[in-house]
Amino acid sequence: MLSKLFPVMVLIFSSALAGAVEPINGSYQKHYSNEKVASHWLILGAIERIKGAVKPESELRVKGKVQSWLWQIPAGMNSEQAFSQIKTQIDGDASALFDCQGRSCGLSNDYANQVFQHAILYGRDSDQHYWLGLQEAGAKNKTDVLWVVYSVQRSNKRVYVYLERIAVDSSQAGIFDEYVSKGNRQTLFQQGYFVLSQLNKEAATLSSEQVDWLKGLLQEYPNKKFALVTHRYNKPDQQRLLDDSGQEAQGLLTQLAEKGAFIKNVYSHGAGAMLPRKGAGDRVELVVLDSQ
């Protein structure tokens, strides 16, 4: 009897360590580990093979406490669905550093055997998904926390999801700034918008870091058109919401101009409560207006 209960107890215990991440219902845990690592390999760009060697376009090694999980997903769910179900539990308060899907990631064999060292993750190159995100230190985490999500479907149709949580050593604070900036740009152009900040009752404003990021973006893409859009939902008067959010958006544009940003192709817009997104409240978004 105890032999039957032990795997269940291990599953419950190790799943709880994942914090807010819940395994997919019906999944079977194949692996769990929890260890301190002096040099943990992170993939921040597509993997290439150069003279037989694995060469990511960008990579980083970090020191920290690494927890990892590997699940076999129940039949009926494909790689993309499984990936999305795990990732959406994490990415709400995380900055994407790199993500890819399918053959744009590189060879699944390299992720399975070289990066994660779990041969069971070797599957179809076209049915793989990878995401690396950063939750910065704050009230929720004492140190920066990295999350890696990888899913793949094997030729036998079985789907696996691999998850890592890396509590980064405090000595390495700040080393991700460059990658956060690149990841934010990738998110912006992939989905057509990027949430700059969540708002409270105070008037919307841009932090110095956001101003610098926007200035760099506008300098790199001088011919693209963008909009700073303010969303507000806390008043019953819809016209008042539109007027007030419009003034806030214009204030953000003025702030950018005063800081020397190139705002010729940047517009301000107050959406009020007219353009809701599921799970999103009062916020400021940067929206791509064209695809030039």
Foldseek 3Di string as FASTA:
>chain_A
DVVVCVLVVVVVVQQVVVPQFHADPPKHWDDKDKAWDAWAKDAQAAWDADPNDTDGPDIGTFTFIKIKTKIWDDPPDAQVRNLCNRVVSPPPQWQWLHKDAACRNPAQCCCCCPRPNHNVSHAHSRRKIKTKIWRADDPVHPHIKIKIWMWGAHPVRIIMIMIMITRTDRVCPPPCLVSSLVRQVVVCVVVQKGFQDADDPDQDEHDPSRLVSQLVVCVVCVPWAKEKEWEAEPDPDQVVQQVRRQVSQVVHLVVSVVVPGNCPRYYYGYCYHPDDDPPGHTTIMMGTDDDD
